[in-house]
Amino acid sequence: MATAHQSCLEQIGDTAGLVWHHLNENGPSTLSQLAKDVDAPRDVIMQAVGWLAREDKVSVDEARGKKTVSLRD
């Protein structure tokens, strides 16, 4: 039986996969666009982006007040 902590981590991990696939198919996206396009709660999407950034899978750049997420080469 999964604990609440594990299910939360699983949700973030699953959402990280959704975010990665979205970026792979659509190219760089702003955080706002990811929140609209990925079917997950906004806070979980932000945690998923952090997870991917920590694993060096994405980069997050800021220009003109917008943060853009893109896959790393």
Protein backbone atom coordinates (compact mmCIF):
# COMPACT_ATOMS: atom_id res chain seq x y z
CA MET A 1 0.00 0.00 0.00
CA ALA A 2 1.41 3.39 -1.04
CA THR A 3 1.74 6.12 1.53
CA ALA A 4 0.53 9.66 0.86
CA HIS A 5 4.16 10.72 0.42
CA GLN A 6 4.79 8.08 -2.23
CA SER A 7 1.63 8.87 -4.14
CA CYS A 8 2.57 12.56 -4.16
CA LEU A 9 6.03 11.70 -5.52
CA GLU A 10 4.46 9.39 -8.07
CA GLN A 11 2.14 12.19 -9.21
CA ILE A 12 5.10 14.58 -9.59
CA GLY A 13 7.09 11.94 -11.46
CA ASP A 14 4.18 11.13 -13.77
CA THR A 15 3.65 14.84 -14.42
CA ALA A 16 7.37 15.26 -15.14
CA GLY A 17 6.90 12.69 -17.90
CA LEU A 18 3.93 14.63 -19.29
CA VAL A 19 5.92 17.87 -19.22
CA TRP A 20 8.91 16.23 -20.94
CA HIS A 21 6.71 14.77 -23.69
CA HIS A 22 4.95 18.12 -24.19
CA LEU A 23 8.28 19.91 -24.60
CA ASN A 24 9.59 17.18 -26.89
CA GLU A 25 6.54 17.47 -29.16
CA ASN A 26 5.96 21.24 -29.01
CA GLY A 27 9.33 22.83 -28.24
CA PRO A 28 10.03 25.40 -25.53
CA SER A 29 7.03 26.63 -23.52
CA THR A 30 6.45 29.25 -20.90
CA LEU A 31 5.40 28.07 -17.46
CA SER A 32 1.98 29.61 -18.10
CA GLN A 33 1.60 27.66 -21.33
CA LEU A 34 2.62 24.42 -19.63
CA ALA A 35 -0.01 25.04 -16.96
CA LYS A 36 -2.65 25.39 -19.70
CA ASP A 37 -1.50 22.47 -21.87
CA VAL A 38 -0.51 19.77 -19.37
CA ASP A 39 -3.39 18.00 -17.64
CA ALA A 40 -2.24 18.37 -14.03
CA PRO A 41 -2.60 20.88 -11.19
CA ARG A 42 -0.37 23.95 -11.67
CA ASP A 43 1.58 23.34 -8.44
CA VAL A 44 2.37 19.77 -9.49
CA ILE A 45 3.53 21.02 -12.92
CA MET A 46 5.90 23.46 -11.21
CA GLN A 47 7.23 20.66 -9.00
CA ALA A 48 7.66 18.46 -12.08
CA VAL A 49 9.63 21.22 -13.85
CA GLY A 50 11.83 21.47 -10.76
CA TRP A 51 12.35 17.70 -10.79
CA LEU A 52 13.36 17.80 -14.47
CA ALA A 53 15.65 20.78 -13.88
CA ARG A 54 17.31 19.02 -10.95
CA GLU A 55 17.93 15.99 -13.20
CA ASP A 56 19.40 18.36 -15.85
CA LYS A 57 16.67 17.38 -18.36
CA VAL A 58 15.37 20.93 -18.89
CA SER A 59 16.61 24.48 -18.68
CA VAL A 60 14.55 27.40 -17.41
CA ASP A 61 15.34 30.82 -18.84
CA GLU A 62 13.78 34.16 -17.96
CA ALA A 63 13.27 37.00 -20.42
CA ARG A 64 10.89 39.95 -20.13
CA GLY A 65 9.35 38.54 -16.97
CA LYS A 66 8.46 35.16 -18.52
CA LYS A 67 10.10 31.89 -17.64
CA THR A 68 10.56 29.54 -20.58
CA VAL A 69 11.23 25.83 -20.15
CA SER A 70 13.09 23.86 -22.82
CA LEU A 71 14.65 20.45 -23.11
CA ARG A 72 18.42 20.33 -22.67
CA ASP A 73 20.51 18.91 -25.49
